[in-house]
């Protein structure tokens, strides 16, 4: 007796050749620009799914913005120590960069959490698994493994067609 193979996971958007991929569907092999646009268009959408491309393109953009922000904070004199051991006072440029960087973080925390939940849905995991990230030391590693996993067709149960 042989067990029939599981249906293949969706890897393309072939069924949407007549137009753009709808927002309720995951965009497999999404280009960078489209992935970022979809990130902001689905700002607080915790339903549906997100492809690995959508997730990892945004992760790259967020990492680059974070690195640039840190470089700007250091360049504006954040806590620089002089040769005599005294610490420089905080410059106005540092305050401005810190405020802008903080506002960016506040503006993107909800859509980032929504994107992680949608990515979990694509692997057929409940969005509540995001709380695994709160486990000290291993929680982030567990979430990383889940977002690395390929999509599963059963994850379509999280889709809500518009």
Protein backbone atom coordinates (compact mmCIF):
# COMPACT_ATOMS: atom_id res chain seq x y z
CA UNK A 1 0.00 0.00 0.00
CA UNK A 2 1.48 3.33 -1.02
CA UNK A 3 0.67 6.67 0.46
CA UNK A 4 -0.16 9.28 -2.16
CA UNK A 5 2.24 12.23 -2.16
CA UNK A 6 1.14 15.50 -0.66
CA UNK A 7 0.07 18.14 -3.16
CA UNK A 8 2.95 20.40 -4.14
CA UNK A 9 3.29 23.68 -2.34
CA UNK A 10 2.43 26.70 -4.45
CA UNK A 11 5.59 28.24 -5.88
CA UNK A 12 4.19 30.53 -8.55
CA UNK A 13 1.40 32.92 -9.28
CA UNK A 14 0.43 31.24 -12.54
CA UNK A 15 -3.29 31.49 -11.82
CA UNK A 16 -3.09 35.32 -11.81
CA UNK A 17 -1.65 35.80 -15.33
CA UNK A 18 -4.49 38.09 -16.32
CA UNK A 19 -3.55 40.73 -13.77
CA UNK A 20 -1.58 41.52 -10.64
CA UNK A 21 -1.60 39.15 -7.72
CA UNK A 22 -4.49 40.17 -5.44
CA UNK A 23 -3.60 41.45 -1.98
CA UNK A 24 -5.35 38.55 -0.25
CA UNK A 25 -3.06 36.02 -2.00
CA UNK A 26 0.62 35.43 -1.26
CA UNK A 27 2.94 36.78 -3.96
CA UNK A 28 5.51 34.05 -4.59
CA UNK A 29 8.82 35.29 -6.04
CA UNK A 30 7.78 38.88 -5.41
CA UNK A 31 10.26 41.54 -6.54
CA UNK A 32 11.70 43.91 -3.94
CA UNK A 33 9.55 46.93 -4.80
CA UNK A 34 6.31 44.96 -4.86
CA UNK A 35 7.13 43.24 -1.57
CA UNK A 36 7.66 46.61 0.15
CA UNK A 37 4.46 48.04 -1.40
CA UNK A 38 2.47 45.04 -0.20
CA UNK A 39 4.02 45.41 3.27
CA UNK A 40 2.55 48.91 3.58
CA UNK A 41 -0.73 48.16 1.76
CA UNK A 42 -1.43 45.31 4.19
CA UNK A 43 -0.42 47.51 7.13
CA UNK A 44 -2.44 45.79 9.88
CA UNK A 45 -3.76 42.75 8.02
CA UNK A 46 -3.25 39.70 10.20
CA UNK A 47 -5.29 37.40 7.91
CA UNK A 48 -4.08 35.75 4.75
CA UNK A 49 -0.60 34.61 3.85
CA UNK A 50 2.78 36.08 2.90
CA UNK A 51 5.35 34.36 0.75
CA UNK A 52 8.95 33.93 1.74
CA UNK A 53 9.93 36.57 -0.83
CA UNK A 54 7.54 39.10 0.69
CA UNK A 55 8.92 38.41 4.16
CA UNK A 56 12.63 38.34 3.36
CA UNK A 57 12.61 41.40 1.08
CA UNK A 58 11.07 43.39 3.90
CA UNK A 59 13.56 41.89 6.37
CA UNK A 60 16.39 43.11 4.12
CA UNK A 61 14.91 46.61 3.81
CA UNK A 62 14.37 46.82 7.58
CA UNK A 63 17.93 45.64 8.26
CA UNK A 64 19.39 48.24 5.87
CA UNK A 65 17.29 51.00 7.44
CA UNK A 66 18.41 49.82 10.90
CA UNK A 67 22.08 49.84 9.93
CA UNK A 68 21.80 53.29 8.36
CA UNK A 69 20.00 54.55 11.46
CA UNK A 70 22.71 53.19 13.75
CA UNK A 71 25.44 54.73 11.60
CA UNK A 72 23.65 58.10 11.76
CA UNK A 73 23.29 57.83 15.53
CA UNK A 74 27.00 57.13 15.94
CA UNK A 75 27.96 59.83 13.43
CA UNK A 76 25.96 62.44 15.34
CA UNK A 77 27.95 61.75 18.49
CA UNK A 78 25.98 59.31 20.56
CA UNK A 79 27.94 58.71 23.73
CA UNK A 80 31.36 59.32 22.22
CA UNK A 81 34.16 59.11 24.77
CA UNK A 82 36.94 61.67 24.59
CA UNK A 83 40.61 60.75 25.03
CA UNK A 84 40.53 62.06 28.62
CA UNK A 85 37.67 59.66 29.53
CA UNK A 86 34.83 62.20 29.55
CA UNK A 87 31.66 61.57 27.57
CA UNK A 88 30.46 64.09 25.00
CA UNK A 89 27.11 65.67 25.61
CA UNK A 90 24.26 64.60 23.36
CA UNK A 91 24.15 66.74 20.21
CA UNK A 92 20.96 68.16 18.67
CA UNK A 93 21.63 66.07 15.56
CA UNK A 94 21.59 62.93 17.67
CA UNK A 95 18.25 63.90 19.20
CA UNK A 96 16.73 64.49 15.76
CA UNK A 97 18.02 61.19 14.37
CA UNK A 98 16.86 59.34 17.49
CA UNK A 99 13.37 60.82 17.22
CA UNK A 100 13.07 59.99 13.50
CA UNK A 101 14.41 56.48 14.08
CA UNK A 102 11.99 55.95 17.00
CA UNK A 103 9.03 57.15 14.90
CA UNK A 104 10.05 54.77 12.12
CA UNK A 105 10.14 51.91 14.65
CA UNK A 106 6.71 52.80 15.99
CA UNK A 107 5.29 53.11 12.46
CA UNK A 108 6.54 49.69 11.37
CA UNK A 109 6.03 47.49 14.44
CA UNK A 110 2.38 46.61 13.70
CA UNK A 111 2.91 45.80 10.00
CA UNK A 112 6.02 43.78 10.86
CA UNK A 113 4.06 41.68 13.36
CA UNK A 114 1.27 41.29 10.77
CA UNK A 115 3.80 40.16 8.16
CA UNK A 116 5.23 37.55 10.53
CA UNK A 117 1.73 36.25 11.27
CA UNK A 118 0.94 36.03 7.55
CA UNK A 119 4.25 34.23 6.94
CA UNK A 120 3.34 31.72 9.67
CA UNK A 121 -0.03 31.22 7.96
CA UNK A 122 1.73 30.37 4.68
CA UNK A 123 3.44 27.48 6.47
CA UNK A 124 0.02 26.44 7.89
CA UNK A 125 0.80 27.59 11.42
CA UNK A 126 -1.56 29.64 13.56
CA UNK A 127 -0.64 33.28 14.00
CA UNK A 128 -0.51 32.76 17.74
CA UNK A 129 2.84 31.06 17.22
CA UNK A 130 4.29 34.58 17.06
CA UNK A 131 4.26 34.53 20.86
CA UNK A 132 6.97 31.86 20.75
CA UNK A 133 9.29 34.79 20.11
CA UNK A 134 8.79 35.81 23.75
CA UNK A 135 10.57 32.69 25.01
CA UNK A 136 14.01 33.79 26.23
CA UNK A 137 17.02 32.65 24.20
CA UNK A 138 15.27 30.15 21.89
CA UNK A 139 12.05 31.94 20.93
CA UNK A 140 13.62 33.97 18.14
CA UNK A 141 15.37 30.88 16.78
CA UNK A 142 12.09 28.96 16.73
CA UNK A 143 10.37 31.79 14.83
CA UNK A 144 13.30 31.98 12.41
CA UNK A 145 12.90 28.29 11.62
CA UNK A 146 9.15 28.74 11.04
CA UNK A 147 9.60 31.65 8.62
CA UNK A 148 12.30 29.70 6.75
CA UNK A 149 10.01 26.73 6.12
CA UNK A 150 8.40 26.39 2.67
CA UNK A 151 4.72 27.14 2.08
CA UNK A 152 2.14 24.44 2.57
CA UNK A 153 -1.05 24.24 0.48
CA UNK A 154 -3.05 23.69 3.67
CA UNK A 155 -2.17 27.29 4.63
CA UNK A 156 -4.84 28.44 2.18
CA UNK A 157 -7.31 28.00 5.02
CA UNK A 158 -6.09 31.38 6.32
CA UNK A 159 -6.99 33.18 3.08
CA UNK A 160 -9.97 35.48 2.96
CA UNK A 161 -10.76 36.30 -0.64
CA UNK A 162 -11.75 39.88 -1.19
